[in-house]
Amino acid sequence: MNNQTLLWASFIVSWLSLLFLKNEDVRRYMPVALFAGIITTVVMEFGIVFGWWLPTEDVFPFLHMSIFSYGAYLVGTIWIFKYTYGHIWKFLAANAVIDFVLDFGLTKWFVQLGLFEVYLPSYQLYFISIFLAFLLYGYQMWQAGELKIELVPHVQPAAVKPLVNDPSDELDERKD
C-alpha cells in the first residue's frame, strides 16, 4: 500500500465511522472536534517553523497540512468525547493511552513510511498531546456552558438593570 492510499484511507474511514454515531452526538461534539482540527493545524505549523517536524508527503488539497488533523484526529476527538465526556479521569486515561500509542508507536512507523520527519523526542510529543487534551476538555466544558469565565462576578451593565416606575414621569408626560 502506498502512502497516498494510506493517508486517504485513514481520512475516509475515519469520516465513515461517524455513521455509527447518533446525529445528536456528532452535533454535540463537532465544535470541539473542529477546534481540535484548527489547534492541531496551528501546532503543526509551529512545529514546521520551529523545526520540530517536517511533513514529507502532501495530500492534495491538504498541502503542507496533515490530513490527520481533519481526518482521524478530528473524528477521533468526537469518539473520545462521546464515551468519556463528563468523566475527566476517563477522558485523561483514554487520551493518555491513545496519545502514548500514537507518539511512541505510530509516529515512528509513519516516519519509516516517509510521511514526515520528527526531530522531537517521543516524550515531548506526548507532553504536547496531553496539553492539547486538557485544552480540548476545557473548550468542551466552555462550549457546554459548564465553564463560565467571569472577570468581575455578578456585574451587569446598567442597560440590563430594570427601570424603576416613577409616578412623576406620568405626570410630566400629561403636561406636554
N, C-alpha and C. Protein backbone atom coordinates (compact mmCIF):
# COMPACT_ATOMS: atom_id res chain seq x y z
N MET A 1 0.86 -1.17 0.00
CA MET A 1 0.00 0.00 0.00
C MET A 1 0.91 1.23 0.00
N ASN A 2 0.65 2.14 -0.93
CA ASN A 2 1.48 3.35 -0.96
C ASN A 2 0.97 4.38 0.04
N ASN A 3 1.77 5.41 0.25
CA ASN A 3 1.45 6.41 1.27
C ASN A 3 0.17 7.17 0.98
N GLN A 4 -0.07 7.52 -0.27
CA GLN A 4 -1.28 8.26 -0.62
C GLN A 4 -2.53 7.44 -0.29
N THR A 5 -2.49 6.16 -0.60
CA THR A 5 -3.63 5.29 -0.29
C THR A 5 -3.85 5.21 1.22
N LEU A 6 -2.76 5.07 1.98
CA LEU A 6 -2.87 5.01 3.43
C LEU A 6 -3.47 6.29 4.00
N LEU A 7 -2.99 7.43 3.53
CA LEU A 7 -3.49 8.71 4.04
C LEU A 7 -4.96 8.91 3.70
N TRP A 8 -5.32 8.65 2.44
CA TRP A 8 -6.72 8.83 2.06
C TRP A 8 -7.63 7.82 2.75
N ALA A 9 -7.16 6.59 2.92
CA ALA A 9 -7.96 5.58 3.61
C ALA A 9 -8.21 5.99 5.06
N SER A 10 -7.18 6.51 5.73
CA SER A 10 -7.38 6.94 7.13
C SER A 10 -8.38 8.09 7.20
N PHE A 11 -8.35 8.96 6.23
CA PHE A 11 -9.28 10.10 6.19
C PHE A 11 -10.72 9.62 5.95
N ILE A 12 -10.90 8.81 4.94
CA ILE A 12 -12.25 8.37 4.54
C ILE A 12 -12.86 7.43 5.57
N VAL A 13 -12.08 6.46 6.05
CA VAL A 13 -12.60 5.51 7.04
C VAL A 13 -12.98 6.24 8.33
N SER A 14 -12.17 7.22 8.72
CA SER A 14 -12.50 8.00 9.93
C SER A 14 -13.86 8.65 9.79
N TRP A 15 -14.09 9.33 8.68
CA TRP A 15 -15.36 10.03 8.49
C TRP A 15 -16.52 9.06 8.34
N LEU A 16 -16.29 7.92 7.71
CA LEU A 16 -17.36 6.93 7.58
C LEU A 16 -17.75 6.34 8.94
N SER A 17 -16.81 6.32 9.88
CA SER A 17 -17.12 5.78 11.21
C SER A 17 -18.18 6.60 11.93
N LEU A 18 -18.35 7.86 11.53
CA LEU A 18 -19.37 8.70 12.16
C LEU A 18 -20.78 8.21 11.86
N LEU A 19 -20.94 7.39 10.83
CA LEU A 19 -22.25 6.83 10.52
C LEU A 19 -22.77 5.94 11.65
N PHE A 20 -21.86 5.46 12.51
CA PHE A 20 -22.25 4.60 13.62
C PHE A 20 -22.64 5.38 14.87
N LEU A 21 -22.54 6.69 14.81
CA LEU A 21 -22.92 7.54 15.94
C LEU A 21 -24.28 8.18 15.68
N LYS A 22 -24.95 8.54 16.75
CA LYS A 22 -26.20 9.28 16.62
C LYS A 22 -25.88 10.70 16.16
N ASN A 23 -26.81 11.26 15.39
CA ASN A 23 -26.61 12.64 14.91
C ASN A 23 -26.46 13.62 16.06
N GLU A 24 -27.17 13.38 17.17
CA GLU A 24 -27.08 14.28 18.32
C GLU A 24 -25.66 14.30 18.89
N ASP A 25 -25.02 13.12 18.94
CA ASP A 25 -23.65 13.05 19.45
C ASP A 25 -22.68 13.78 18.53
N VAL A 26 -22.87 13.61 17.24
CA VAL A 26 -21.99 14.29 16.29
C VAL A 26 -22.16 15.80 16.41
N ARG A 27 -23.41 16.26 16.48
CA ARG A 27 -23.67 17.70 16.63
C ARG A 27 -23.13 18.24 17.94
N ARG A 28 -23.25 17.46 18.98
CA ARG A 28 -22.80 17.92 20.31
C ARG A 28 -21.29 18.10 20.37
N TYR A 29 -20.55 17.18 19.75
CA TYR A 29 -19.09 17.22 19.88
C TYR A 29 -18.37 17.75 18.63
N MET A 30 -19.10 18.12 17.60
CA MET A 30 -18.45 18.66 16.41
C MET A 30 -17.71 19.97 16.68
N PRO A 31 -18.24 20.90 17.51
CA PRO A 31 -17.46 22.12 17.76
C PRO A 31 -16.09 21.85 18.37
N VAL A 32 -16.01 20.94 19.34
CA VAL A 32 -14.71 20.65 19.94
C VAL A 32 -13.82 19.90 18.95
N ALA A 33 -14.42 19.10 18.08
CA ALA A 33 -13.63 18.41 17.07
C ALA A 33 -13.05 19.40 16.06
N LEU A 34 -13.85 20.36 15.63
CA LEU A 34 -13.34 21.39 14.72
C LEU A 34 -12.27 22.23 15.39
N PHE A 35 -12.47 22.54 16.67
CA PHE A 35 -11.45 23.25 17.43
C PHE A 35 -10.17 22.42 17.48
N ALA A 36 -10.30 21.11 17.67
CA ALA A 36 -9.13 20.23 17.68
C ALA A 36 -8.41 20.26 16.34
N GLY A 37 -9.18 20.24 15.24
CA GLY A 37 -8.57 20.31 13.92
C GLY A 37 -7.80 21.60 13.72
N ILE A 38 -8.39 22.71 14.14
CA ILE A 38 -7.73 24.01 13.99
C ILE A 38 -6.49 24.08 14.87
N ILE A 39 -6.62 23.64 16.12
CA ILE A 39 -5.48 23.68 17.04
C ILE A 39 -4.34 22.80 16.54
N THR A 40 -4.64 21.60 16.05
CA THR A 40 -3.56 20.74 15.55
C THR A 40 -2.93 21.32 14.30
N THR A 41 -3.71 22.01 13.48
CA THR A 41 -3.13 22.68 12.31
C THR A 41 -2.16 23.76 12.76
N VAL A 42 -2.56 24.54 13.76
CA VAL A 42 -1.67 25.59 14.28
C VAL A 42 -0.41 24.97 14.89
N VAL A 43 -0.58 23.91 15.67
CA VAL A 43 0.57 23.24 16.27
C VAL A 43 1.48 22.66 15.19
N MET A 44 0.88 22.09 14.14
CA MET A 44 1.68 21.56 13.03
C MET A 44 2.50 22.66 12.36
N GLU A 45 1.87 23.81 12.15
CA GLU A 45 2.59 24.93 11.54
C GLU A 45 3.72 25.43 12.44
N PHE A 46 3.45 25.54 13.74
CA PHE A 46 4.51 25.92 14.68
C PHE A 46 5.64 24.90 14.63
N GLY A 47 5.29 23.63 14.58
CA GLY A 47 6.30 22.58 14.54
C GLY A 47 7.18 22.67 13.30
N ILE A 48 6.58 23.03 12.18
CA ILE A 48 7.36 23.20 10.95
C ILE A 48 8.28 24.41 11.08
N VAL A 49 7.74 25.52 11.57
CA VAL A 49 8.53 26.74 11.71
C VAL A 49 9.68 26.55 12.70
N PHE A 50 9.42 25.89 13.83
CA PHE A 50 10.45 25.71 14.85
C PHE A 50 11.33 24.49 14.62
N GLY A 51 11.08 23.75 13.56
CA GLY A 51 11.92 22.60 13.24
C GLY A 51 11.68 21.38 14.11
N TRP A 52 10.45 21.23 14.61
CA TRP A 52 10.12 20.06 15.42
C TRP A 52 9.83 18.85 14.53
N TRP A 53 9.22 19.09 13.37
CA TRP A 53 8.91 18.05 12.41
C TRP A 53 8.78 18.66 11.03
N LEU A 54 8.73 17.80 10.04
CA LEU A 54 8.62 18.26 8.66
C LEU A 54 7.78 17.25 7.88
N PRO A 55 6.64 17.66 7.35
CA PRO A 55 5.86 16.73 6.53
C PRO A 55 6.56 16.51 5.20
N THR A 56 6.66 15.26 4.79
CA THR A 56 7.33 14.95 3.53
C THR A 56 6.35 14.40 2.49
N GLU A 57 5.16 14.08 2.90
CA GLU A 57 4.13 13.56 1.99
C GLU A 57 2.92 14.46 2.05
N ASP A 58 2.61 15.13 0.96
CA ASP A 58 1.45 16.01 0.89
C ASP A 58 0.29 15.29 0.22
N VAL A 59 -0.90 15.65 0.64
CA VAL A 59 -2.12 15.10 0.05
C VAL A 59 -2.93 16.27 -0.47
N PHE A 60 -3.18 16.29 -1.76
CA PHE A 60 -3.98 17.36 -2.34
C PHE A 60 -5.40 17.23 -1.82
N PRO A 61 -6.06 18.25 -1.39
CA PRO A 61 -5.74 19.67 -1.34
C PRO A 61 -5.14 20.10 0.00
N PHE A 62 -4.70 19.14 0.82
CA PHE A 62 -4.15 19.45 2.14
C PHE A 62 -2.65 19.69 2.06
N LEU A 63 -2.23 20.57 1.19
CA LEU A 63 -0.80 20.83 1.03
C LEU A 63 -0.23 21.40 2.32
N HIS A 64 0.86 20.83 2.77
CA HIS A 64 1.58 21.24 3.97
C HIS A 64 0.73 21.18 5.23
N MET A 65 -0.34 20.43 5.20
CA MET A 65 -1.14 20.20 6.40
C MET A 65 -1.34 18.70 6.51
N SER A 66 -1.29 18.24 7.71
CA SER A 66 -1.51 16.82 7.92
C SER A 66 -2.98 16.48 7.68
N ILE A 67 -3.22 15.48 6.88
CA ILE A 67 -4.58 15.03 6.63
C ILE A 67 -5.17 14.44 7.91
N PHE A 68 -4.31 14.06 8.84
CA PHE A 68 -4.79 13.50 10.11
C PHE A 68 -5.51 14.55 10.95
N SER A 69 -5.14 15.82 10.79
CA SER A 69 -5.78 16.88 11.58
C SER A 69 -7.26 16.99 11.30
N TYR A 70 -7.65 16.73 10.06
CA TYR A 70 -9.06 16.85 9.68
C TYR A 70 -9.68 15.49 9.36
N GLY A 71 -8.96 14.44 9.66
CA GLY A 71 -9.46 13.09 9.46
C GLY A 71 -9.53 12.36 10.78
N ALA A 72 -8.53 11.52 11.02
CA ALA A 72 -8.53 10.66 12.20
C ALA A 72 -8.53 11.44 13.51
N TYR A 73 -7.79 12.53 13.58
CA TYR A 73 -7.73 13.29 14.84
C TYR A 73 -9.06 13.97 15.13
N LEU A 74 -9.65 14.58 14.12
CA LEU A 74 -10.93 15.27 14.30
C LEU A 74 -12.03 14.28 14.67
N VAL A 75 -12.14 13.21 13.91
CA VAL A 75 -13.19 12.22 14.17
C VAL A 75 -12.91 11.47 15.47
N GLY A 76 -11.64 11.17 15.73
CA GLY A 76 -11.28 10.52 16.99
C GLY A 76 -11.67 11.35 18.20
N THR A 77 -11.58 12.66 18.06
CA THR A 77 -11.99 13.55 19.14
C THR A 77 -13.48 13.37 19.45
N ILE A 78 -14.29 13.26 18.42
CA ILE A 78 -15.73 13.04 18.62
C ILE A 78 -15.97 11.72 19.35
N TRP A 79 -15.31 10.66 18.91
CA TRP A 79 -15.49 9.35 19.54
C TRP A 79 -15.04 9.37 21.00
N ILE A 80 -13.90 9.97 21.27
CA ILE A 80 -13.40 10.01 22.65
C ILE A 80 -14.35 10.80 23.54
N PHE A 81 -14.80 11.95 23.07
CA PHE A 81 -15.71 12.75 23.88
C PHE A 81 -17.05 12.05 24.07
N LYS A 82 -17.51 11.32 23.10
CA LYS A 82 -18.79 10.63 23.21
C LYS A 82 -18.77 9.64 24.38
N TYR A 83 -17.65 8.95 24.56
CA TYR A 83 -17.59 7.91 25.59
C TYR A 83 -16.96 8.36 26.91
N THR A 84 -16.34 9.55 26.94
CA THR A 84 -15.66 9.93 28.18
C THR A 84 -16.07 11.29 28.73
N TYR A 85 -16.79 12.10 27.96
CA TYR A 85 -17.08 13.45 28.44
C TYR A 85 -17.97 13.40 29.68
N GLY A 86 -17.64 14.21 30.64
CA GLY A 86 -18.34 14.23 31.91
C GLY A 86 -17.59 13.45 32.97
N HIS A 87 -16.59 12.70 32.55
CA HIS A 87 -15.74 11.91 33.46
C HIS A 87 -14.30 12.25 33.12
N ILE A 88 -13.78 13.28 33.75
CA ILE A 88 -12.46 13.81 33.39
C ILE A 88 -11.37 12.75 33.50
N TRP A 89 -11.46 11.88 34.50
CA TRP A 89 -10.40 10.87 34.67
C TRP A 89 -10.46 9.83 33.56
N LYS A 90 -11.66 9.45 33.13
CA LYS A 90 -11.77 8.53 31.99
C LYS A 90 -11.23 9.19 30.73
N PHE A 91 -11.54 10.48 30.56
CA PHE A 91 -11.05 11.23 29.40
C PHE A 91 -9.53 11.29 29.40
N LEU A 92 -8.94 11.63 30.55
CA LEU A 92 -7.49 11.74 30.62
C LEU A 92 -6.81 10.38 30.45
N ALA A 93 -7.41 9.33 31.02
CA ALA A 93 -6.84 7.99 30.86
C ALA A 93 -6.90 7.54 29.40
N ALA A 94 -8.04 7.75 28.76
CA ALA A 94 -8.17 7.38 27.35
C ALA A 94 -7.18 8.15 26.49
N ASN A 95 -7.06 9.45 26.74
CA ASN A 95 -6.11 10.25 25.97
C ASN A 95 -4.67 9.84 26.26
N ALA A 96 -4.37 9.52 27.51
CA ALA A 96 -3.01 9.10 27.86
C ALA A 96 -2.62 7.84 27.09
N VAL A 97 -3.53 6.88 27.02
CA VAL A 97 -3.25 5.63 26.32
C VAL A 97 -3.15 5.86 24.81
N ILE A 98 -4.14 6.55 24.25
CA ILE A 98 -4.15 6.78 22.80
C ILE A 98 -2.95 7.63 22.38
N ASP A 99 -2.65 8.68 23.13
CA ASP A 99 -1.51 9.52 22.79
C ASP A 99 -0.19 8.76 22.94
N PHE A 100 -0.12 7.87 23.92
CA PHE A 100 1.09 7.06 24.09
C PHE A 100 1.31 6.17 22.86
N VAL A 101 0.25 5.50 22.42
CA VAL A 101 0.35 4.64 21.24
C VAL A 101 0.73 5.47 20.01
N LEU A 102 0.10 6.63 19.87
CA LEU A 102 0.39 7.49 18.72
C LEU A 102 1.82 8.03 18.77
N ASP A 103 2.22 8.59 19.91
CA ASP A 103 3.50 9.28 19.99
C ASP A 103 4.70 8.35 20.10
N PHE A 104 4.51 7.18 20.70
CA PHE A 104 5.63 6.26 20.88
C PHE A 104 5.62 5.10 19.88
N GLY A 105 4.54 4.92 19.16
CA GLY A 105 4.46 3.80 18.22
C GLY A 105 4.18 4.22 16.79
N LEU A 106 3.00 4.76 16.58
CA LEU A 106 2.59 5.10 15.21
C LEU A 106 3.46 6.17 14.57
N THR A 107 3.92 7.13 15.37
CA THR A 107 4.76 8.19 14.81
C THR A 107 6.03 7.61 14.21
N LYS A 108 6.64 6.66 14.90
CA LYS A 108 7.86 6.03 14.37
C LYS A 108 7.57 5.26 13.08
N TRP A 109 6.41 4.62 13.04
CA TRP A 109 6.03 3.89 11.83
C TRP A 109 5.80 4.86 10.67
N PHE A 110 5.13 5.99 10.95
CA PHE A 110 4.90 7.00 9.91
C PHE A 110 6.20 7.60 9.41
N VAL A 111 7.17 7.75 10.29
CA VAL A 111 8.49 8.25 9.87
C VAL A 111 9.16 7.23 8.96
N GLN A 112 9.06 5.94 9.31
CA GLN A 112 9.63 4.89 8.47
C GLN A 112 8.98 4.85 7.10
N LEU A 113 7.68 5.14 7.05
CA LEU A 113 6.98 5.17 5.76
C LEU A 113 7.34 6.40 4.94
N GLY A 114 7.92 7.40 5.58
CA GLY A 114 8.30 8.62 4.88
C GLY A 114 7.19 9.65 4.81
N LEU A 115 6.21 9.56 5.71
CA LEU A 115 5.12 10.54 5.72
C LEU A 115 5.59 11.88 6.27
N PHE A 116 6.46 11.84 7.26
CA PHE A 116 7.05 13.06 7.81
C PHE A 116 8.30 12.70 8.58
N GLU A 117 9.06 13.72 8.92
CA GLU A 117 10.25 13.57 9.75
C GLU A 117 9.98 14.25 11.08
N VAL A 118 10.43 13.63 12.17
CA VAL A 118 10.21 14.18 13.50
C VAL A 118 11.56 14.38 14.17
N TYR A 119 11.77 15.58 14.71
CA TYR A 119 13.04 15.92 15.35
C TYR A 119 12.91 16.08 16.86
N LEU A 120 11.72 15.90 17.39
CA LEU A 120 11.50 15.94 18.84
C LEU A 120 11.50 14.52 19.40
N PRO A 121 11.95 14.36 20.63
CA PRO A 121 11.81 13.04 21.26
C PRO A 121 10.33 12.71 21.50
N SER A 122 10.03 11.44 21.57
CA SER A 122 8.64 11.00 21.73
C SER A 122 7.99 11.56 22.98
N TYR A 123 8.75 11.68 24.08
CA TYR A 123 8.15 12.18 25.32
C TYR A 123 7.72 13.63 25.18
N GLN A 124 8.41 14.43 24.36
CA GLN A 124 7.98 15.81 24.15
C GLN A 124 6.71 15.87 23.30
N LEU A 125 6.61 14.99 22.31
CA LEU A 125 5.37 14.89 21.54
C LEU A 125 4.21 14.50 22.46
N TYR A 126 4.50 13.61 23.39
CA TYR A 126 3.49 13.15 24.34
C TYR A 126 3.01 14.30 25.22
N PHE A 127 3.91 15.13 25.70
CA PHE A 127 3.52 16.27 26.53
C PHE A 127 2.67 17.26 25.74
N ILE A 128 3.00 17.47 24.48
CA ILE A 128 2.19 18.35 23.63
C ILE A 128 0.79 17.77 23.49
N SER A 129 0.70 16.47 23.27
CA SER A 129 -0.60 15.81 23.10
C SER A 129 -1.45 15.89 24.37
N ILE A 130 -0.83 15.69 25.53
CA ILE A 130 -1.56 15.77 26.79
C ILE A 130 -2.03 17.20 27.05
N PHE A 131 -1.19 18.18 26.75
CA PHE A 131 -1.59 19.58 26.89
C PHE A 131 -2.81 19.87 26.02
N LEU A 132 -2.79 19.38 24.77
CA LEU A 132 -3.93 19.59 23.87
C LEU A 132 -5.19 18.91 24.42
N ALA A 133 -5.04 17.77 25.06
CA ALA A 133 -6.21 17.08 25.65
C ALA A 133 -6.86 17.95 26.72
N PHE A 134 -6.04 18.55 27.60
CA PHE A 134 -6.59 19.46 28.62
C PHE A 134 -7.28 20.65 27.97
N LEU A 135 -6.66 21.19 26.94
CA LEU A 135 -7.23 22.34 26.23
C LEU A 135 -8.58 21.99 25.61
N LEU A 136 -8.66 20.83 24.98
CA LEU A 136 -9.91 20.40 24.35
C LEU A 136 -11.01 20.15 25.39
N TYR A 137 -10.66 19.55 26.51
CA TYR A 137 -11.67 19.30 27.54
C TYR A 137 -12.20 20.62 28.09
N GLY A 138 -11.31 21.55 28.33
CA GLY A 138 -11.74 22.87 28.81
C GLY A 138 -12.62 23.57 27.80
N TYR A 139 -12.28 23.45 26.52
CA TYR A 139 -13.10 24.06 25.47
C TYR A 139 -14.50 23.44 25.45
N GLN A 140 -14.58 22.12 25.57
CA GLN A 140 -15.89 21.46 25.54
C GLN A 140 -16.71 21.85 26.76
N MET A 141 -16.06 22.00 27.91
CA MET A 141 -16.79 22.45 29.11
C MET A 141 -17.34 23.85 28.88
N TRP A 142 -16.54 24.72 28.29
CA TRP A 142 -16.99 26.08 27.99
C TRP A 142 -18.12 26.05 26.97
N GLN A 143 -17.98 25.21 25.94
CA GLN A 143 -18.98 25.10 24.88
C GLN A 143 -20.31 24.60 25.44
N ALA A 144 -20.25 23.69 26.41
CA ALA A 144 -21.47 23.13 27.00
C ALA A 144 -22.06 24.04 28.07
N GLY A 145 -21.39 25.13 28.38
CA GLY A 145 -21.89 26.06 29.38
C GLY A 145 -21.56 25.66 30.81
N GLU A 146 -20.68 24.69 30.97
CA GLU A 146 -20.32 24.23 32.31
C GLU A 146 -19.15 25.02 32.88
N LEU A 147 -18.48 25.77 32.05
CA LEU A 147 -17.33 26.55 32.49
C LEU A 147 -17.61 28.00 32.15
N LYS A 148 -17.77 28.80 33.17
CA LYS A 148 -18.06 30.21 32.96
C LYS A 148 -16.87 31.02 33.45
N ILE A 149 -16.37 31.85 32.60
CA ILE A 149 -15.24 32.69 32.95
C ILE A 149 -15.76 34.09 33.16
N GLU A 150 -15.71 34.54 34.40
CA GLU A 150 -16.18 35.88 34.73
C GLU A 150 -15.01 36.67 35.29
N LEU A 151 -14.69 37.77 34.65
CA LEU A 151 -13.61 38.61 35.15
C LEU A 151 -14.04 39.34 36.41
N VAL A 152 -15.27 39.86 36.40
CA VAL A 152 -15.84 40.53 37.57
C VAL A 152 -17.19 39.86 37.81
N PRO A 153 -17.28 39.01 38.83
CA PRO A 153 -18.53 38.26 39.02
C PRO A 153 -19.70 39.15 39.44
N HIS A 154 -20.87 38.79 38.97
CA HIS A 154 -22.15 39.41 39.35
C HIS A 154 -22.24 40.89 38.99
N VAL A 155 -21.59 41.29 37.93
CA VAL A 155 -21.68 42.68 37.50
C VAL A 155 -22.37 42.69 36.14
N GLN A 156 -23.40 43.53 36.01
CA GLN A 156 -24.12 43.65 34.75
C GLN A 156 -24.07 45.09 34.30
N PRO A 157 -24.13 45.31 33.00
CA PRO A 157 -24.17 46.68 32.52
C PRO A 157 -25.46 47.36 32.98
N ALA A 158 -25.43 48.67 33.09
CA ALA A 158 -26.60 49.42 33.56
C ALA A 158 -27.80 49.25 32.64
N ALA A 159 -27.58 49.04 31.37
CA ALA A 159 -28.68 48.91 30.42
C ALA A 159 -29.51 47.65 30.69
N VAL A 160 -28.95 46.69 31.38
CA VAL A 160 -29.65 45.45 31.66
C VAL A 160 -30.54 45.57 32.89
N LYS A 161 -30.24 46.50 33.76
CA LYS A 161 -30.98 46.65 35.01
C LYS A 161 -32.40 47.15 34.72
N PRO A 162 -33.39 46.66 35.45
CA PRO A 162 -34.77 47.09 35.21
C PRO A 162 -34.96 48.57 35.60
N LEU A 163 -35.83 49.22 34.86
CA LEU A 163 -36.13 50.62 35.14
C LEU A 163 -37.14 50.71 36.28
N VAL A 164 -37.00 51.73 37.06
CA VAL A 164 -37.92 51.95 38.19
C VAL A 164 -39.12 52.74 37.68
N ASN A 165 -40.32 52.28 38.01
CA ASN A 165 -41.52 53.02 37.64
C ASN A 165 -41.65 54.23 38.57
N ASP A 166 -41.54 55.38 37.99
CA ASP A 166 -41.63 56.62 38.77
C ASP A 166 -42.95 57.29 38.41
N PRO A 167 -43.90 57.44 39.35
CA PRO A 167 -45.20 58.06 39.05
C PRO A 167 -45.07 59.49 38.57
N SER A 168 -44.01 60.18 38.94
CA SER A 168 -43.86 61.57 38.50
C SER A 168 -43.61 61.66 36.99
N ASP A 169 -43.08 60.59 36.38
CA ASP A 169 -42.87 60.58 34.94
C ASP A 169 -44.19 60.66 34.19
N GLU A 170 -45.21 59.98 34.69
CA GLU A 170 -46.51 60.00 34.04
C GLU A 170 -47.12 61.40 34.10
N LEU A 171 -46.93 62.10 35.20
CA LEU A 171 -47.45 63.46 35.33
C LEU A 171 -46.77 64.41 34.34
N ASP A 172 -45.47 64.24 34.16
CA ASP A 172 -44.73 65.09 33.23
C ASP A 172 -45.20 64.89 31.79
N GLU A 173 -45.54 63.66 31.41
CA GLU A 173 -45.99 63.38 30.06
C GLU A 173 -47.36 64.01 29.79
N ARG A 174 -48.25 64.07 30.80
CA ARG A 174 -49.60 64.62 30.62
C ARG A 174 -49.54 66.14 30.42
N LYS A 175 -48.57 66.81 31.02
CA LYS A 175 -48.46 68.26 30.89
C LYS A 175 -48.06 68.68 29.49
N ASP A 176 -47.37 67.82 28.77
CA ASP A 176 -46.89 68.18 27.43
C ASP A 176 -47.99 68.24 26.48
